[in-house]
PDB file of N, CA and C in Angstrom:
ATOM      1  N   ARG A   1       0.810  -1.200   0.000  1.00  0.00           N
ATOM      2  CA  ARG A   1       0.000   0.000   0.000  1.00  0.00           C
ATOM      3  C   ARG A   1       0.848   1.256   0.000  1.00  0.00           C
ATOM      4  N   MET A   2       1.907   1.233   0.765  1.00  0.00           N
ATOM      5  CA  MET A   2       2.747   2.423   0.844  1.00  0.00           C
ATOM      6  C   MET A   2       3.394   2.726  -0.506  1.00  0.00           C
ATOM      7  N   ALA A   3       3.811   1.693  -1.201  1.00  0.00           N
ATOM      8  CA  ALA A   3       4.458   1.886  -2.497  1.00  0.00           C
ATOM      9  C   ALA A   3       3.475   2.503  -3.496  1.00  0.00           C
ATOM     10  N   ARG A   4       2.225   2.113  -3.426  1.00  0.00           N
ATOM     11  CA  ARG A   4       1.224   2.663  -4.340  1.00  0.00           C
ATOM     12  C   ARG A   4       1.002   4.151  -4.123  1.00  0.00           C
ATOM     13  N   ARG A   5       1.293   4.624  -2.929  1.00  0.00           N
ATOM     14  CA  ARG A   5       1.107   6.041  -2.618  1.00  0.00           C
ATOM     15  C   ARG A   5       2.282   6.917  -3.064  1.00  0.00           C
ATOM     16  N   CYS A   6       3.352   6.297  -3.498  1.00  0.00           N
ATOM     17  CA  CYS A   6       4.521   7.065  -3.930  1.00  0.00           C
ATOM     18  C   CYS A   6       4.188   7.823  -5.210  1.00  0.00           C
ATOM     19  N   GLU A   7       4.545   9.087  -5.217  1.00  0.00           N
ATOM     20  CA  GLU A   7       4.220   9.942  -6.355  1.00  0.00           C
ATOM     21  C   GLU A   7       5.104   9.692  -7.572  1.00  0.00           C
ATOM     22  N   ASP A   8       6.325   9.223  -7.326  1.00  0.00           N
ATOM     23  CA  ASP A   8       7.250   9.010  -8.428  1.00  0.00           C
ATOM     24  C   ASP A   8       8.302   7.985  -8.022  1.00  0.00           C
ATOM     25  N   ASP A   9       9.228   7.712  -8.947  1.00  0.00           N
ATOM     26  CA  ASP A   9      10.272   6.718  -8.687  1.00  0.00           C
ATOM     27  C   ASP A   9      11.163   7.121  -7.517  1.00  0.00           C
ATOM     28  N   ALA A  10      11.462   8.402  -7.404  1.00  0.00           N
ATOM     29  CA  ALA A  10      12.324   8.871  -6.316  1.00  0.00           C
ATOM     30  C   ALA A  10      11.672   8.590  -4.970  1.00  0.00           C
ATOM     31  N   ALA A  11      10.389   8.836  -4.856  1.00  0.00           N
ATOM     32  CA  ALA A  11       9.679   8.573  -3.602  1.00  0.00           C
ATOM     33  C   ALA A  11       9.652   7.081  -3.296  1.00  0.00           C
ATOM     34  N   ALA A  12       9.494   6.255  -4.330  1.00  0.00           N
ATOM     35  CA  ALA A  12       9.492   4.804  -4.125  1.00  0.00           C
ATOM     36  C   ALA A  12      10.860   4.328  -3.645  1.00  0.00           C
ATOM     37  N   LEU A  13      11.915   4.881  -4.226  1.00  0.00           N
ATOM     38  CA  LEU A  13      13.264   4.509  -3.785  1.00  0.00           C
ATOM     39  C   LEU A  13      13.528   4.991  -2.367  1.00  0.00           C
ATOM     40  N   ASP A  14      13.077   6.183  -2.031  1.00  0.00           N
ATOM     41  CA  ASP A  14      13.238   6.686  -0.666  1.00  0.00           C
ATOM     42  C   ASP A  14      12.552   5.756   0.333  1.00  0.00           C
ATOM     43  N   LEU A  15      11.376   5.299  -0.018  1.00  0.00           N
ATOM     44  CA  LEU A  15      10.641   4.367   0.841  1.00  0.00           C
ATOM     45  C   LEU A  15      11.418   3.058   0.999  1.00  0.00           C
ATOM     46  N   ALA A  16      11.914   2.526  -0.094  1.00  0.00           N
ATOM     47  CA  ALA A  16      12.683   1.279  -0.045  1.00  0.00           C
ATOM     48  C   ALA A  16      13.943   1.443   0.786  1.00  0.00           C
ATOM     49  N   ILE A  17      14.595   2.584   0.668  1.00  0.00           N
ATOM     50  CA  ILE A  17      15.799   2.854   1.462  1.00  0.00           C
ATOM     51  C   ILE A  17      15.463   2.886   2.939  1.00  0.00           C
ATOM     52  N   ARG A  18      14.355   3.504   3.301  1.00  0.00           N
ATOM     53  CA  ARG A  18      13.945   3.522   4.718  1.00  0.00           C
ATOM     54  C   ARG A  18      13.687   2.108   5.236  1.00  0.00           C
ATOM     55  N   PHE A  19      13.034   1.281   4.418  1.00  0.00           N
ATOM     56  CA  PHE A  19      12.782  -0.101   4.827  1.00  0.00           C
ATOM     57  C   PHE A  19      14.094  -0.859   5.036  1.00  0.00           C
ATOM     58  N   GLU A  20      15.045  -0.680   4.143  1.00  0.00           N
ATOM     59  CA  GLU A  20      16.327  -1.363   4.284  1.00  0.00           C
ATOM     60  C   GLU A  20      17.061  -0.900   5.542  1.00  0.00           C
ATOM     61  N   ARG A  21      17.042   0.397   5.807  1.00  0.00           N
ATOM     62  CA  ARG A  21      17.687   0.907   7.022  1.00  0.00           C
ATOM     63  C   ARG A  21      17.016   0.337   8.271  1.00  0.00           C
ATOM     64  N   ASP A  22      15.695   0.312   8.253  1.00  0.00           N
ATOM     65  CA  ASP A  22      14.974  -0.260   9.396  1.00  0.00           C
ATOM     66  C   ASP A  22      15.325  -1.733   9.587  1.00  0.00           C
ATOM     67  N   THR A  23      15.465  -2.446   8.482  1.00  0.00           N
ATOM     68  CA  THR A  23      15.827  -3.855   8.558  1.00  0.00           C
ATOM     69  C   THR A  23      17.219  -4.030   9.144  1.00  0.00           C
ATOM     70  N   LEU A  24      18.150  -3.164   8.763  1.00  0.00           N
ATOM     71  CA  LEU A  24      19.502  -3.240   9.329  1.00  0.00           C
ATOM     72  C   LEU A  24      19.492  -2.980  10.835  1.00  0.00           C
ATOM     73  N   ILE A  25      18.674  -2.053  11.272  1.00  0.00           N
ATOM     74  CA  ILE A  25      18.547  -1.796  12.711  1.00  0.00           C
ATOM     75  C   ILE A  25      17.994  -3.040  13.401  1.00  0.00           C
ATOM     76  N   LEU A  26      16.990  -3.651  12.800  1.00  0.00           N
ATOM     77  CA  LEU A  26      16.419  -4.881  13.349  1.00  0.00           C
ATOM     78  C   LEU A  26      17.468  -5.984  13.427  1.00  0.00           C
ATOM     79  N   MET A  27      18.273  -6.124  12.388  1.00  0.00           N
ATOM     80  CA  MET A  27      19.317  -7.151  12.379  1.00  0.00           C
ATOM     81  C   MET A  27      20.324  -6.925  13.511  1.00  0.00           C
ATOM     82  N   LYS A  28      20.679  -5.671  13.740  1.00  0.00           N
ATOM     83  CA  LYS A  28      21.610  -5.360  14.826  1.00  0.00           C
ATOM     84  C   LYS A  28      21.020  -5.771  16.174  1.00  0.00           C
ATOM     85  N   GLU A  29      19.763  -5.474  16.387  1.00  0.00           N
ATOM     86  CA  GLU A  29      19.098  -5.855  17.632  1.00  0.00           C
ATOM     87  C   GLU A  29      18.951  -7.372  17.733  1.00  0.00           C
ATOM     88  N   LEU A  30      18.570  -7.988  16.642  1.00  0.00           N
ATOM     89  CA  LEU A  30      18.379  -9.440  16.623  1.00  0.00           C
ATOM     90  C   LEU A  30      19.680 -10.166  16.933  1.00  0.00           C
ATOM     91  N   ARG A  31      20.781  -9.649  16.411  1.00  0.00           N
ATOM     92  CA  ARG A  31      22.085 -10.280  16.638  1.00  0.00           C
ATOM     93  C   ARG A  31      22.398 -10.407  18.125  1.00  0.00           C
ATOM     94  N   GLU A  32      21.968  -9.439  18.893  1.00  0.00           N
ATOM     95  CA  GLU A  32      22.220  -9.464  20.340  1.00  0.00           C
ATOM     96  C   GLU A  32      21.336 -10.475  21.066  1.00  0.00           C
ATOM     97  N   MET A  33      20.286 -10.935  20.419  1.00  0.00           N
ATOM     98  CA  MET A  33      19.328 -11.840  21.061  1.00  0.00           C
ATOM     99  C   MET A  33      19.523 -13.308  20.718  1.00  0.00           C
ATOM    100  N   VAL A  34      20.218 -13.575  19.610  1.00  0.00           N
ATOM    101  CA  VAL A  34      20.346 -14.971  19.179  1.00  0.00           C
ATOM    102  C   VAL A  34      21.557 -15.628  19.830  1.00  0.00           C
ATOM    103  N   PRO A  35      21.531 -16.948  19.917  1.00  0.00           N
ATOM    104  CA  PRO A  35      22.697 -17.658  20.448  1.00  0.00           C
ATOM    105  C   PRO A  35      23.930 -17.415  19.569  1.00  0.00           C
ATOM    106  N   ALA A  36      25.090 -17.558  20.155  1.00  0.00           N
ATOM    107  CA  ALA A  36      26.357 -17.314  19.453  1.00  0.00           C
ATOM    108  C   ALA A  36      26.438 -18.101  18.146  1.00  0.00           C
ATOM    109  N   LYS A  37      25.936 -19.323  18.153  1.00  0.00           N
ATOM    110  CA  LYS A  37      26.022 -20.157  16.954  1.00  0.00           C
ATOM    111  C   LYS A  37      25.208 -19.594  15.786  1.00  0.00           C
ATOM    112  N   ASP A  38      24.261 -18.707  16.056  1.00  0.00           N
ATOM    113  CA  ASP A  38      23.412 -18.156  15.006  1.00  0.00           C
ATOM    114  C   ASP A  38      23.797 -16.735  14.593  1.00  0.00           C
ATOM    115  N   LYS A  39      24.760 -16.142  15.256  1.00  0.00           N
ATOM    116  CA  LYS A  39      25.146 -14.762  14.950  1.00  0.00           C
ATOM    117  C   LYS A  39      25.651 -14.610  13.517  1.00  0.00           C
ATOM    118  N   GLU A  40      26.366 -15.604  13.011  1.00  0.00           N
ATOM    119  CA  GLU A  40      26.884 -15.521  11.640  1.00  0.00           C
ATOM    120  C   GLU A  40      25.744 -15.474  10.627  1.00  0.00           C
ATOM    121  N   ILE A  41      24.672 -16.184  10.898  1.00  0.00           N
ATOM    122  CA  ILE A  41      23.504 -16.153  10.007  1.00  0.00           C
ATOM    123  C   ILE A  41      22.933 -14.741   9.964  1.00  0.00           C
ATOM    124  N   VAL A  42      22.783 -14.134  11.119  1.00  0.00           N
ATOM    125  CA  VAL A  42      22.261 -12.768  11.185  1.00  0.00           C
ATOM    126  C   VAL A  42      23.230 -11.817  10.476  1.00  0.00           C
ATOM    127  N   ASP A  43      24.524 -12.017  10.676  1.00  0.00           N
ATOM    128  CA  ASP A  43      25.520 -11.178  10.006  1.00  0.00           C
ATOM    129  C   ASP A  43      25.409 -11.303   8.486  1.00  0.00           C
ATOM    130  N   ASP A  44      25.204 -12.516   7.999  1.00  0.00           N
ATOM    131  CA  ASP A  44      25.051 -12.732   6.554  1.00  0.00           C
ATOM    132  C   ASP A  44      23.817 -12.000   6.026  1.00  0.00           C
ATOM    133  N   LEU A  45      22.733 -12.093   6.762  1.00  0.00           N
ATOM    134  CA  LEU A  45      21.508 -11.391   6.360  1.00  0.00           C
ATOM    135  C   LEU A  45      21.717  -9.878   6.361  1.00  0.00           C
ATOM    136  N   ALA A  46      22.409  -9.386   7.371  1.00  0.00           N
ATOM    137  CA  ALA A  46      22.672  -7.944   7.459  1.00  0.00           C
ATOM    138  C   ALA A  46      23.540  -7.490   6.288  1.00  0.00           C
ATOM    139  N   ARG A  47      24.523  -8.282   5.907  1.00  0.00           N
ATOM    140  CA  ARG A  47      25.368  -7.930   4.756  1.00  0.00           C
ATOM    141  C   ARG A  47      24.538  -7.879   3.473  1.00  0.00           C
ATOM    142  N   GLU A  48      23.622  -8.802   3.340  1.00  0.00           N
ATOM    143  CA  GLU A  48      22.753  -8.807   2.164  1.00  0.00           C
ATOM    144  C   GLU A  48      21.886  -7.550   2.129  1.00  0.00           C
ATOM    145  N   GLU A  49      21.332  -7.198   3.275  1.00  0.00           N
ATOM    146  CA  GLU A  49      20.516  -5.985   3.357  1.00  0.00           C
ATOM    147  C   GLU A  49      21.357  -4.739   3.075  1.00  0.00           C
ATOM    148  N   GLN A  50      22.594  -4.723   3.549  1.00  0.00           N
ATOM    149  CA  GLN A  50      23.487  -3.599   3.286  1.00  0.00           C
ATOM    150  C   GLN A  50      23.741  -3.465   1.782  1.00  0.00           C
ATOM    151  N   GLY A  51      23.892  -4.587   1.119  1.00  0.00           N
ATOM    152  CA  GLY A  51      24.061  -4.565  -0.332  1.00  0.00           C
ATOM    153  C   GLY A  51      22.846  -3.982  -1.035  1.00  0.00           C
ATOM    154  N   HIS A  52      21.668  -4.341  -0.554  1.00  0.00           N
ATOM    155  CA  HIS A  52      20.444  -3.770  -1.123  1.00  0.00           C
ATOM    156  C   HIS A  52      20.432  -2.257  -0.929  1.00  0.00           C
ATOM    157  N   LEU A  53      20.828  -1.825   0.256  1.00  0.00           N
ATOM    158  CA  LEU A  53      20.844  -0.396   0.562  1.00  0.00           C
ATOM    159  C   LEU A  53      21.794   0.353  -0.365  1.00  0.00           C
ATOM    160  N   VAL A  54      22.945  -0.216  -0.616  1.00  0.00           N
ATOM    161  CA  VAL A  54      23.913   0.406  -1.525  1.00  0.00           C
ATOM    162  C   VAL A  54      23.321   0.515  -2.931  1.00  0.00           C
ATOM    163  N   GLU A  55      22.719  -0.555  -3.414  1.00  0.00           N
ATOM    164  CA  GLU A  55      22.135  -0.532  -4.756  1.00  0.00           C
ATOM    165  C   GLU A  55      20.997   0.471  -4.860  1.00  0.00           C
ATOM    166  N   LEU A  56      20.163   0.520  -3.843  1.00  0.00           N
ATOM    167  CA  LEU A  56      19.068   1.492  -3.847  1.00  0.00           C
ATOM    168  C   LEU A  56      19.608   2.921  -3.803  1.00  0.00           C
ATOM    169  N   GLY A  57      20.645   3.137  -3.023  1.00  0.00           N
ATOM    170  CA  GLY A  57      21.252   4.462  -2.961  1.00  0.00           C
ATOM    171  C   GLY A  57      21.814   4.885  -4.309  1.00  0.00           C
ATOM    172  N   ARG A  58      22.427   3.964  -5.008  1.00  0.00           N
ATOM    173  CA  ARG A  58      22.958   4.280  -6.348  1.00  0.00           C
ATOM    174  C   ARG A  58      21.825   4.604  -7.319  1.00  0.00           C
ATOM    175  N   ALA A  59      20.765   3.821  -7.246  1.00  0.00           N
ATOM    176  CA  ALA A  59      19.616   4.078  -8.118  1.00  0.00           C
ATOM    177  C   ALA A  59      19.015   5.444  -7.801  1.00  0.00           C
ATOM    178  N   ARG A  60      18.944   5.757  -6.522  1.00  0.00           N
ATOM    179  CA  ARG A  60      18.376   7.058  -6.121  1.00  0.00           C
ATOM    180  C   ARG A  60      19.246   8.196  -6.624  1.00  0.00           C
ATOM    181  N   GLN A  61      20.549   8.047  -6.587  1.00  0.00           N
ATOM    182  CA  GLN A  61      21.451   9.092  -7.078  1.00  0.00           C
ATOM    183  C   GLN A  61      21.289   9.308  -8.580  1.00  0.00           C
ATOM    184  N   ARG A  62      21.033   8.233  -9.315  1.00  0.00           N
ATOM    185  CA  ARG A  62      20.880   8.353 -10.765  1.00  0.00           C
ATOM    186  C   ARG A  62      19.657   9.184 -11.148  1.00  0.00           C
ATOM    187  N   ILE A  63      18.620   9.144 -10.323  1.00  0.00           N
ATOM    188  CA  ILE A  63      17.403   9.884 -10.677  1.00  0.00           C
ATOM    189  C   ILE A  63      17.213  11.143  -9.836  1.00  0.00           C
ATOM    190  N   ALA A  64      18.152  11.407  -8.938  1.00  0.00           N
ATOM    191  CA  ALA A  64      17.994  12.523  -8.004  1.00  0.00           C
ATOM    192  C   ALA A  64      18.183  13.883  -8.673  1.00  0.00           C
ATOM    193  N   PRO A  65      17.265  14.775  -8.420  1.00  0.00           N
ATOM    194  CA  PRO A  65      17.495  16.168  -8.805  1.00  0.00           C
ATOM    195  C   PRO A  65      18.250  16.874  -7.700  1.00  0.00           C
TER     196      PRO A  65
END
């Protein structure tokens, strides 16, 4: 629903970037809650999310006024 409310591509990318940042914050908190044996899994997920954030940031720069 939120994506449908975006007025343009820039707004959609801004929304996606916020979601990725929120997910990274969640991963940081989650890492502190999981057993030591599972921390690497959370770290892998966080790295993947960081990669998404980088790609979204690049896309946003390409269309940014």
